[in-house]
Amino acid sequence: MSKVIAGFFSFAFGVGVGLAVGVLVAPKPGSETRADIKDKLDDMCETGKEKVSDIIEKSKTSTSSMVEKGKDAVDKIKTKVKEV
């Protein structure tokens, strides 16, 4: 999971640097450039929130699955102990 998060942050950093360079080099007035930067940052924040939500949902799903497997294993062990 930490590789996923590290990859996400690396990707986000790369996108941010690319956007910043592209916007700063573009021949626009300062007010337009600032508006573009704000819009792009808003988009990046929204994308980040979606990614985090996806990671949380996947974590919940896998945690629930592990808990169920653990309960099944405990039930099997209890059954075996009762047989002895």
Protein backbone atom coordinates (compact mmCIF):
# COMPACT_ATOMS: atom_id res chain seq x y z
CA MET A 1 0.00 0.00 0.00
CA SER A 2 2.84 2.40 0.73
CA LYS A 3 4.11 1.88 -2.84
CA VAL A 4 0.71 3.01 -4.14
CA ILE A 5 0.77 6.13 -2.00
CA ALA A 6 4.39 6.89 -2.89
CA GLY A 7 3.59 6.41 -6.57
CA PHE A 8 0.58 8.70 -6.30
CA PHE A 9 2.59 11.45 -4.64
CA SER A 10 5.39 11.10 -7.20
CA PHE A 11 2.85 11.34 -10.00
CA ALA A 12 1.12 14.33 -8.41
CA PHE A 13 4.45 16.08 -7.90
CA GLY A 14 5.41 15.50 -11.54
CA VAL A 15 2.07 16.80 -12.75
CA GLY A 16 2.38 19.84 -10.52
CA VAL A 17 5.86 20.69 -11.75
CA GLY A 18 4.80 20.21 -15.38
CA LEU A 19 1.74 22.38 -14.94
CA ALA A 20 3.68 25.08 -13.14
CA VAL A 21 6.34 25.27 -15.84
CA GLY A 22 3.75 25.23 -18.62
CA VAL A 23 1.62 27.92 -17.07
CA LEU A 24 4.54 30.17 -16.16
CA VAL A 25 6.02 29.97 -19.66
CA ALA A 26 2.71 30.67 -21.40
CA PRO A 27 2.31 34.24 -22.72
CA LYS A 28 -0.72 35.37 -20.70
CA PRO A 29 -1.42 38.27 -18.37
CA GLY A 30 -0.80 37.63 -14.67
CA SER A 31 -4.48 37.53 -13.73
CA GLU A 32 -5.19 34.84 -16.33
CA THR A 33 -2.12 32.88 -15.26
CA ARG A 34 -3.19 32.99 -11.62
CA ALA A 35 -6.71 31.90 -12.56
CA ASP A 36 -5.26 29.02 -14.58
CA ILE A 37 -3.05 27.97 -11.68
CA LYS A 38 -6.02 28.07 -9.29
CA ASP A 39 -8.17 26.02 -11.67
CA LYS A 40 -5.47 23.43 -12.18
CA LEU A 41 -4.79 23.18 -8.45
CA ASP A 42 -8.50 22.73 -7.82
CA ASP A 43 -8.56 19.92 -10.40
CA MET A 44 -5.52 18.30 -8.79
CA CYS A 45 -7.11 18.51 -5.35
CA GLU A 46 -10.29 16.90 -6.65
CA THR A 47 -8.30 14.12 -8.32
CA GLY A 48 -6.35 13.61 -5.11
CA LYS A 49 -9.54 13.35 -3.08
CA GLU A 50 -10.92 10.77 -5.51
CA LYS A 51 -7.71 8.72 -5.31
CA VAL A 52 -7.72 8.83 -1.51
CA SER A 53 -11.39 7.78 -1.46
CA ASP A 54 -10.56 4.86 -3.76
CA ILE A 55 -7.66 3.80 -1.53
CA ILE A 56 -9.86 4.01 1.57
CA GLU A 57 -12.61 1.97 -0.09
CA LYS A 58 -10.14 -0.71 -1.21
CA SER A 59 -8.67 -0.80 2.30
CA LYS A 60 -12.10 -1.27 3.84
CA THR A 61 -12.91 -4.06 1.39
CA SER A 62 -9.68 -5.94 1.97
CA THR A 63 -9.92 -5.44 5.74
CA SER A 64 -13.45 -6.86 5.76
CA SER A 65 -12.25 -9.80 3.71
CA MET A 66 -9.38 -10.46 6.11
CA VAL A 67 -11.69 -10.26 9.12
CA GLU A 68 -14.06 -12.79 7.55
CA LYS A 69 -11.19 -15.15 6.76
CA GLY A 70 -9.95 -14.80 10.33
CA LYS A 71 -13.40 -15.58 11.73
CA ASP A 72 -13.63 -18.64 9.49
CA ALA A 73 -10.23 -19.84 10.67
CA VAL A 74 -11.21 -19.37 14.33
CA ASP A 75 -14.45 -21.29 13.76
CA LYS A 76 -12.54 -24.18 12.16
CA ILE A 77 -10.10 -24.27 15.04
CA LYS A 78 -12.95 -24.24 17.58
CA THR A 79 -14.61 -27.13 15.74
CA LYS A 80 -11.37 -29.16 15.72
CA VAL A 81 -10.80 -28.48 19.45
CA LYS A 82 -14.35 -29.62 20.29
CA GLU A 83 -13.74 -32.85 18.35
CA VAL A 84 -10.69 -33.66 20.48
